[in-house]
Amino acid sequence: MIEVKIACSDLEREDAYQVRKKVFVEEQGVPISLEIDEFDKSATHFIVYDENQPIGAGRIREINKGIGKVERVCILRELRGKHLGNLIMHELEKHAKSVGMTKIILNAQSYAVPFYEKLGYIVTSPEFMDADIPHRAMEKEITS
């Protein structure tokens, strides 16, 4: 059974970090020093489980009053294409609304821009490099 939950314990946060390390560090070559950062302590982490196995992750943090920033959204390579990204984004947005956020911003890897556009996000920047990977800034107004 697939389940998305907010990471409430150290073990659940470690599960989220484990997925992020597999995707961003091992697969994409992002240095661990950039992947695990100072915002991990204050962000709300989400973890996707399949039968208690961590298979996806993401985080959100409030960066200004009412504005949340979604970061580190990932699904293990072998499970992509099964709409799990939609599932985690839905839960991130639902949480954002529940805590009073009215806008979400994110920096999408350029190849993932169409995925976020299908979810209603719009591109707000030219392409830029982050960790040697092309990205575009995107945002979405959310309402309750």
N, C-alpha and C. Protein backbone atom coordinates (compact mmCIF):
# COMPACT_ATOMS: atom_id res chain seq x y z
N MET A 1 0.83 -1.18 0.00
CA MET A 1 0.00 0.00 0.00
C MET A 1 0.88 1.26 0.00
N ILE A 2 0.59 2.18 -0.89
CA ILE A 2 1.34 3.43 -0.99
C ILE A 2 0.76 4.43 0.01
N GLU A 3 1.66 5.09 0.75
CA GLU A 3 1.23 6.06 1.76
C GLU A 3 2.22 7.22 1.77
N VAL A 4 1.68 8.44 1.82
CA VAL A 4 2.52 9.64 1.98
C VAL A 4 2.25 10.17 3.38
N LYS A 5 3.32 10.41 4.12
CA LYS A 5 3.12 10.93 5.47
C LYS A 5 4.16 11.98 5.79
N ILE A 6 3.82 12.81 6.76
CA ILE A 6 4.78 13.78 7.28
C ILE A 6 5.74 13.02 8.18
N ALA A 7 7.02 13.26 7.99
CA ALA A 7 8.03 12.61 8.81
C ALA A 7 8.00 13.23 10.20
N CYS A 8 7.61 12.44 11.19
CA CYS A 8 7.46 12.95 12.56
C CYS A 8 8.56 12.46 13.49
N SER A 9 9.30 11.46 13.09
CA SER A 9 10.35 10.91 13.96
C SER A 9 11.70 11.02 13.26
N ASP A 10 12.75 10.82 14.05
CA ASP A 10 14.10 10.81 13.47
C ASP A 10 14.22 9.70 12.42
N LEU A 11 13.62 8.55 12.69
CA LEU A 11 13.69 7.43 11.75
C LEU A 11 13.02 7.79 10.42
N GLU A 12 11.85 8.44 10.49
CA GLU A 12 11.16 8.83 9.25
C GLU A 12 11.96 9.88 8.48
N ARG A 13 12.57 10.83 9.20
CA ARG A 13 13.42 11.81 8.52
C ARG A 13 14.62 11.11 7.87
N GLU A 14 15.19 10.13 8.55
CA GLU A 14 16.30 9.36 7.97
C GLU A 14 15.84 8.62 6.71
N ASP A 15 14.62 8.10 6.71
CA ASP A 15 14.08 7.45 5.52
C ASP A 15 14.02 8.44 4.36
N ALA A 16 13.58 9.67 4.65
CA ALA A 16 13.52 10.70 3.61
C ALA A 16 14.92 11.01 3.09
N TYR A 17 15.88 11.16 4.00
CA TYR A 17 17.26 11.45 3.59
C TYR A 17 17.82 10.30 2.75
N GLN A 18 17.48 9.08 3.11
CA GLN A 18 17.97 7.90 2.37
C GLN A 18 17.51 7.96 0.91
N VAL A 19 16.24 8.29 0.69
CA VAL A 19 15.72 8.39 -0.68
C VAL A 19 16.42 9.54 -1.41
N ARG A 20 16.53 10.68 -0.75
CA ARG A 20 17.18 11.84 -1.36
C ARG A 20 18.62 11.54 -1.75
N LYS A 21 19.35 10.84 -0.88
CA LYS A 21 20.74 10.49 -1.18
C LYS A 21 20.82 9.59 -2.40
N LYS A 22 19.91 8.60 -2.49
CA LYS A 22 19.92 7.71 -3.65
C LYS A 22 19.67 8.48 -4.94
N VAL A 23 18.68 9.38 -4.92
CA VAL A 23 18.30 10.11 -6.13
C VAL A 23 19.29 11.22 -6.45
N PHE A 24 19.50 12.12 -5.52
CA PHE A 24 20.27 13.31 -5.83
C PHE A 24 21.79 13.09 -5.76
N VAL A 25 22.26 12.37 -4.76
CA VAL A 25 23.71 12.19 -4.60
C VAL A 25 24.23 11.07 -5.51
N GLU A 26 23.66 9.86 -5.37
CA GLU A 26 24.17 8.73 -6.14
C GLU A 26 23.80 8.81 -7.62
N GLU A 27 22.54 9.12 -7.92
CA GLU A 27 22.09 9.12 -9.31
C GLU A 27 22.50 10.38 -10.06
N GLN A 28 22.34 11.55 -9.43
CA GLN A 28 22.54 12.82 -10.13
C GLN A 28 23.87 13.50 -9.82
N GLY A 29 24.62 12.98 -8.87
CA GLY A 29 25.95 13.51 -8.59
C GLY A 29 25.99 14.80 -7.78
N VAL A 30 24.92 15.12 -7.06
CA VAL A 30 24.91 16.31 -6.21
C VAL A 30 25.78 16.01 -4.98
N PRO A 31 26.70 16.90 -4.63
CA PRO A 31 27.51 16.67 -3.43
C PRO A 31 26.62 16.58 -2.19
N ILE A 32 26.94 15.64 -1.30
CA ILE A 32 26.15 15.47 -0.08
C ILE A 32 26.10 16.76 0.74
N SER A 33 27.16 17.55 0.66
CA SER A 33 27.21 18.81 1.42
C SER A 33 26.18 19.82 0.92
N LEU A 34 25.74 19.68 -0.33
CA LEU A 34 24.68 20.55 -0.85
C LEU A 34 23.30 19.92 -0.62
N GLU A 35 23.22 18.60 -0.68
CA GLU A 35 21.94 17.92 -0.58
C GLU A 35 21.35 18.03 0.83
N ILE A 36 22.12 17.71 1.84
CA ILE A 36 21.67 17.83 3.21
C ILE A 36 22.14 19.20 3.70
N ASP A 37 21.18 20.10 3.95
CA ASP A 37 21.55 21.49 4.23
C ASP A 37 20.96 22.00 5.54
N GLU A 38 21.22 23.26 5.81
CA GLU A 38 20.78 23.87 7.06
C GLU A 38 19.26 23.98 7.19
N PHE A 39 18.53 23.86 6.08
CA PHE A 39 17.07 23.98 6.14
C PHE A 39 16.38 22.67 6.52
N ASP A 40 17.14 21.56 6.50
CA ASP A 40 16.54 20.27 6.85
C ASP A 40 15.99 20.26 8.27
N LYS A 41 16.63 21.00 9.17
CA LYS A 41 16.18 21.00 10.57
C LYS A 41 14.82 21.69 10.73
N SER A 42 14.54 22.71 9.92
CA SER A 42 13.31 23.48 10.11
C SER A 42 12.20 23.12 9.11
N ALA A 43 12.52 22.40 8.06
CA ALA A 43 11.52 22.05 7.04
C ALA A 43 10.58 20.95 7.54
N THR A 44 9.40 20.89 6.93
CA THR A 44 8.48 19.78 7.14
C THR A 44 8.77 18.76 6.04
N HIS A 45 9.15 17.56 6.45
CA HIS A 45 9.54 16.52 5.49
C HIS A 45 8.38 15.57 5.24
N PHE A 46 8.28 15.14 3.99
CA PHE A 46 7.27 14.16 3.59
C PHE A 46 8.01 12.94 3.06
N ILE A 47 7.44 11.79 3.34
CA ILE A 47 8.04 10.54 2.89
C ILE A 47 6.95 9.67 2.28
N VAL A 48 7.27 9.06 1.14
CA VAL A 48 6.35 8.13 0.49
C VAL A 48 6.82 6.72 0.83
N TYR A 49 5.91 5.94 1.37
CA TYR A 49 6.21 4.54 1.69
C TYR A 49 5.40 3.61 0.80
N ASP A 50 6.01 2.50 0.45
CA ASP A 50 5.32 1.39 -0.20
C ASP A 50 5.59 0.18 0.68
N GLU A 51 4.55 -0.26 1.39
CA GLU A 51 4.71 -1.38 2.33
C GLU A 51 5.88 -1.13 3.29
N ASN A 52 5.93 0.04 3.87
CA ASN A 52 6.95 0.44 4.85
C ASN A 52 8.34 0.64 4.27
N GLN A 53 8.48 0.58 2.95
CA GLN A 53 9.76 0.87 2.31
C GLN A 53 9.73 2.31 1.81
N PRO A 54 10.73 3.14 2.17
CA PRO A 54 10.74 4.52 1.68
C PRO A 54 11.07 4.57 0.19
N ILE A 55 10.20 5.23 -0.58
CA ILE A 55 10.40 5.27 -2.04
C ILE A 55 10.35 6.68 -2.62
N GLY A 56 9.99 7.66 -1.80
CA GLY A 56 9.91 9.03 -2.28
C GLY A 56 10.02 9.99 -1.11
N ALA A 57 10.35 11.26 -1.44
CA ALA A 57 10.52 12.26 -0.39
C ALA A 57 10.30 13.65 -0.94
N GLY A 58 10.15 14.59 -0.04
CA GLY A 58 10.05 16.00 -0.39
C GLY A 58 9.98 16.79 0.90
N ARG A 59 10.17 18.09 0.79
CA ARG A 59 10.06 18.94 1.98
C ARG A 59 9.45 20.28 1.59
N ILE A 60 8.91 20.95 2.60
CA ILE A 60 8.38 22.30 2.40
C ILE A 60 8.77 23.12 3.62
N ARG A 61 9.03 24.39 3.38
CA ARG A 61 9.33 25.30 4.48
C ARG A 61 8.75 26.66 4.14
N GLU A 62 8.32 27.35 5.16
CA GLU A 62 7.79 28.70 4.96
C GLU A 62 8.97 29.66 4.89
N ILE A 63 9.08 30.39 3.78
CA ILE A 63 10.22 31.30 3.63
C ILE A 63 9.82 32.76 3.87
N ASN A 64 8.55 33.07 3.71
CA ASN A 64 7.97 34.38 4.04
C ASN A 64 6.55 34.12 4.47
N LYS A 65 5.93 35.09 5.08
CA LYS A 65 4.55 34.90 5.54
C LYS A 65 3.66 34.45 4.38
N GLY A 66 3.10 33.26 4.49
CA GLY A 66 2.19 32.74 3.48
C GLY A 66 2.85 32.15 2.25
N ILE A 67 4.18 32.14 2.19
CA ILE A 67 4.88 31.60 1.02
C ILE A 67 5.71 30.39 1.44
N GLY A 68 5.40 29.26 0.83
CA GLY A 68 6.15 28.04 1.10
C GLY A 68 7.07 27.71 -0.06
N LYS A 69 8.17 27.09 0.26
CA LYS A 69 9.10 26.64 -0.77
C LYS A 69 9.19 25.12 -0.71
N VAL A 70 8.82 24.47 -1.82
CA VAL A 70 8.91 23.02 -1.95
C VAL A 70 10.30 22.69 -2.49
N GLU A 71 10.91 21.71 -1.87
CA GLU A 71 12.26 21.32 -2.26
C GLU A 71 12.44 19.81 -2.12
N ARG A 72 13.45 19.30 -2.82
CA ARG A 72 13.93 17.92 -2.66
C ARG A 72 12.86 16.88 -2.97
N VAL A 73 11.97 17.18 -3.91
CA VAL A 73 10.95 16.21 -4.30
C VAL A 73 11.62 15.15 -5.18
N CYS A 74 11.46 13.89 -4.79
CA CYS A 74 12.10 12.82 -5.56
C CYS A 74 11.39 11.49 -5.34
N ILE A 75 11.49 10.65 -6.34
CA ILE A 75 10.98 9.28 -6.32
C ILE A 75 12.11 8.38 -6.80
N LEU A 76 12.28 7.23 -6.18
CA LEU A 76 13.32 6.31 -6.64
C LEU A 76 13.13 6.00 -8.13
N ARG A 77 14.24 5.91 -8.85
CA ARG A 77 14.22 5.76 -10.30
C ARG A 77 13.30 4.64 -10.78
N GLU A 78 13.39 3.48 -10.13
CA GLU A 78 12.63 2.32 -10.61
C GLU A 78 11.13 2.46 -10.41
N LEU A 79 10.69 3.50 -9.69
CA LEU A 79 9.26 3.68 -9.42
C LEU A 79 8.69 4.94 -10.07
N ARG A 80 9.49 5.61 -10.88
CA ARG A 80 8.98 6.81 -11.56
C ARG A 80 7.98 6.41 -12.64
N GLY A 81 7.11 7.37 -12.98
CA GLY A 81 6.11 7.11 -14.01
C GLY A 81 4.85 6.47 -13.47
N LYS A 82 4.73 6.35 -12.15
CA LYS A 82 3.56 5.73 -11.53
C LYS A 82 2.71 6.78 -10.79
N HIS A 83 2.90 8.04 -11.11
CA HIS A 83 2.13 9.15 -10.54
C HIS A 83 2.39 9.38 -9.06
N LEU A 84 3.51 8.87 -8.56
CA LEU A 84 3.85 9.09 -7.16
C LEU A 84 4.27 10.54 -6.91
N GLY A 85 4.85 11.18 -7.91
CA GLY A 85 5.19 12.60 -7.80
C GLY A 85 3.94 13.44 -7.60
N ASN A 86 2.88 13.11 -8.35
CA ASN A 86 1.60 13.82 -8.17
C ASN A 86 1.09 13.64 -6.74
N LEU A 87 1.22 12.43 -6.24
CA LEU A 87 0.74 12.11 -4.90
C LEU A 87 1.47 12.94 -3.84
N ILE A 88 2.78 12.99 -3.92
CA ILE A 88 3.53 13.74 -2.91
C ILE A 88 3.26 15.24 -3.04
N MET A 89 3.16 15.74 -4.27
CA MET A 89 2.87 17.17 -4.44
C MET A 89 1.49 17.52 -3.90
N HIS A 90 0.53 16.64 -4.09
CA HIS A 90 -0.82 16.87 -3.55
C HIS A 90 -0.75 17.01 -2.03
N GLU A 91 0.00 16.12 -1.38
CA GLU A 91 0.11 16.17 0.08
C GLU A 91 0.87 17.41 0.54
N LEU A 92 1.92 17.80 -0.19
CA LEU A 92 2.66 19.02 0.15
C LEU A 92 1.74 20.24 0.05
N GLU A 93 0.95 20.31 -1.01
CA GLU A 93 0.03 21.44 -1.19
C GLU A 93 -1.07 21.44 -0.13
N LYS A 94 -1.58 20.26 0.19
CA LYS A 94 -2.62 20.15 1.21
C LYS A 94 -2.08 20.66 2.55
N HIS A 95 -0.86 20.27 2.88
CA HIS A 95 -0.23 20.74 4.12
C HIS A 95 -0.05 22.26 4.08
N ALA A 96 0.44 22.77 2.95
CA ALA A 96 0.67 24.21 2.81
C ALA A 96 -0.62 24.98 3.09
N LYS A 97 -1.72 24.54 2.49
CA LYS A 97 -3.01 25.20 2.72
C LYS A 97 -3.41 25.13 4.19
N SER A 98 -3.18 23.97 4.81
CA SER A 98 -3.62 23.77 6.19
C SER A 98 -2.88 24.67 7.18
N VAL A 99 -1.69 25.14 6.81
CA VAL A 99 -0.94 26.02 7.70
C VAL A 99 -0.97 27.48 7.23
N GLY A 100 -1.86 27.77 6.25
CA GLY A 100 -2.09 29.15 5.85
C GLY A 100 -1.23 29.69 4.74
N MET A 101 -0.51 28.83 4.05
CA MET A 101 0.27 29.31 2.91
C MET A 101 -0.66 29.57 1.73
N THR A 102 -0.38 30.62 0.97
CA THR A 102 -1.21 30.95 -0.18
C THR A 102 -0.43 30.87 -1.50
N LYS A 103 0.87 30.67 -1.40
CA LYS A 103 1.68 30.54 -2.60
C LYS A 103 2.80 29.54 -2.31
N ILE A 104 3.11 28.74 -3.33
CA ILE A 104 4.24 27.81 -3.25
C ILE A 104 5.21 28.17 -4.36
N ILE A 105 6.48 28.24 -4.01
CA ILE A 105 7.52 28.42 -5.00
C ILE A 105 8.41 27.18 -4.98
N LEU A 106 9.12 26.96 -6.08
CA LEU A 106 10.06 25.85 -6.13
C LEU A 106 11.05 26.10 -7.25
N ASN A 107 12.17 25.41 -7.19
CA ASN A 107 13.16 25.42 -8.27
C ASN A 107 13.17 24.03 -8.87
N ALA A 108 12.59 23.91 -10.05
CA ALA A 108 12.46 22.61 -10.70
C ALA A 108 13.66 22.33 -11.59
N GLN A 109 14.15 21.10 -11.56
CA GLN A 109 15.12 20.72 -12.57
C GLN A 109 14.42 20.90 -13.92
N SER A 110 15.14 21.44 -14.90
CA SER A 110 14.50 21.84 -16.16
C SER A 110 13.73 20.70 -16.82
N TYR A 111 14.25 19.48 -16.75
CA TYR A 111 13.55 18.36 -17.38
C TYR A 111 12.19 18.11 -16.72
N ALA A 112 12.02 18.55 -15.45
CA ALA A 112 10.78 18.30 -14.71
C ALA A 112 9.76 19.43 -14.84
N VAL A 113 10.09 20.50 -15.57
CA VAL A 113 9.17 21.63 -15.71
C VAL A 113 7.80 21.17 -16.22
N PRO A 114 7.70 20.31 -17.24
CA PRO A 114 6.36 19.89 -17.70
C PRO A 114 5.54 19.18 -16.61
N PHE A 115 6.20 18.43 -15.76
CA PHE A 115 5.51 17.77 -14.65
C PHE A 115 4.84 18.81 -13.75
N TYR A 116 5.59 19.83 -13.37
CA TYR A 116 5.04 20.86 -12.48
C TYR A 116 4.01 21.73 -13.21
N GLU A 117 4.21 21.98 -14.50
CA GLU A 117 3.21 22.75 -15.25
C GLU A 117 1.86 22.03 -15.25
N LYS A 118 1.87 20.71 -15.36
CA LYS A 118 0.60 19.96 -15.33
C LYS A 118 -0.10 20.11 -13.98
N LEU A 119 0.66 20.44 -12.94
CA LEU A 119 0.09 20.64 -11.61
C LEU A 119 -0.29 22.09 -11.36
N GLY A 120 -0.14 22.95 -12.39
CA GLY A 120 -0.56 24.34 -12.28
C GLY A 120 0.53 25.33 -11.93
N TYR A 121 1.77 24.89 -11.90
CA TYR A 121 2.89 25.81 -11.61
C TYR A 121 3.28 26.54 -12.89
N ILE A 122 3.75 27.77 -12.73
CA ILE A 122 4.19 28.55 -13.88
C ILE A 122 5.67 28.91 -13.70
N VAL A 123 6.38 28.94 -14.81
CA VAL A 123 7.80 29.28 -14.81
C VAL A 123 7.95 30.78 -14.55
N THR A 124 8.87 31.14 -13.66
CA THR A 124 9.05 32.56 -13.30
C THR A 124 10.50 33.02 -13.49
N SER A 125 11.34 32.19 -14.11
CA SER A 125 12.74 32.59 -14.28
C SER A 125 13.32 31.98 -15.54
N PRO A 126 14.40 32.59 -16.03
CA PRO A 126 15.18 31.90 -17.06
C PRO A 126 15.88 30.70 -16.41
N GLU A 127 16.43 29.85 -17.25
CA GLU A 127 17.16 28.70 -16.73
C GLU A 127 18.40 29.15 -15.97
N PHE A 128 18.69 28.46 -14.86
CA PHE A 128 19.90 28.74 -14.08
C PHE A 128 20.46 27.41 -13.59
N MET A 129 21.71 27.44 -13.18
CA MET A 129 22.36 26.22 -12.72
C MET A 129 22.34 26.16 -11.20
N ASP A 130 22.04 24.98 -10.67
CA ASP A 130 22.12 24.72 -9.24
C ASP A 130 22.71 23.32 -9.10
N ALA A 131 23.81 23.20 -8.40
CA ALA A 131 24.53 21.92 -8.26
C ALA A 131 24.86 21.33 -9.63
N ASP A 132 25.20 22.21 -10.58
CA ASP A 132 25.55 21.82 -11.96
C ASP A 132 24.39 21.17 -12.71
N ILE A 133 23.16 21.45 -12.29
CA ILE A 133 21.96 20.92 -12.95
C ILE A 133 21.09 22.10 -13.35
N PRO A 134 20.63 22.16 -14.62
CA PRO A 134 19.76 23.27 -15.05
C PRO A 134 18.41 23.25 -14.32
N HIS A 135 17.99 24.41 -13.86
CA HIS A 135 16.74 24.58 -13.12
C HIS A 135 15.96 25.78 -13.65
N ARG A 136 14.67 25.83 -13.31
CA ARG A 136 13.82 27.00 -13.54
C ARG A 136 13.01 27.24 -12.27
N ALA A 137 12.86 28.49 -11.88
CA ALA A 137 12.00 28.83 -10.75
C ALA A 137 10.55 28.75 -11.21
N MET A 138 9.68 28.27 -10.33
CA MET A 138 8.26 28.14 -10.66
C MET A 138 7.45 28.53 -9.41
N GLU A 139 6.17 28.85 -9.64
CA GLU A 139 5.30 29.16 -8.51
C GLU A 139 3.86 28.82 -8.82
N LYS A 140 3.08 28.76 -7.76
CA LYS A 140 1.65 28.46 -7.88
C LYS A 140 0.92 29.11 -6.70
N GLU A 141 -0.15 29.81 -7.02
CA GLU A 141 -1.04 30.32 -5.98
C GLU A 141 -1.91 29.17 -5.52
N ILE A 142 -2.07 29.04 -4.23
CA ILE A 142 -2.94 27.98 -3.71
C ILE A 142 -4.04 28.63 -2.89
N THR A 143 -5.22 28.08 -3.01
CA THR A 143 -6.37 28.63 -2.29
C THR A 143 -7.04 27.50 -1.52
N SER A 144 -7.78 27.89 -0.51
CA SER A 144 -8.43 26.86 0.31
C SER A 144 -9.79 26.52 -0.15
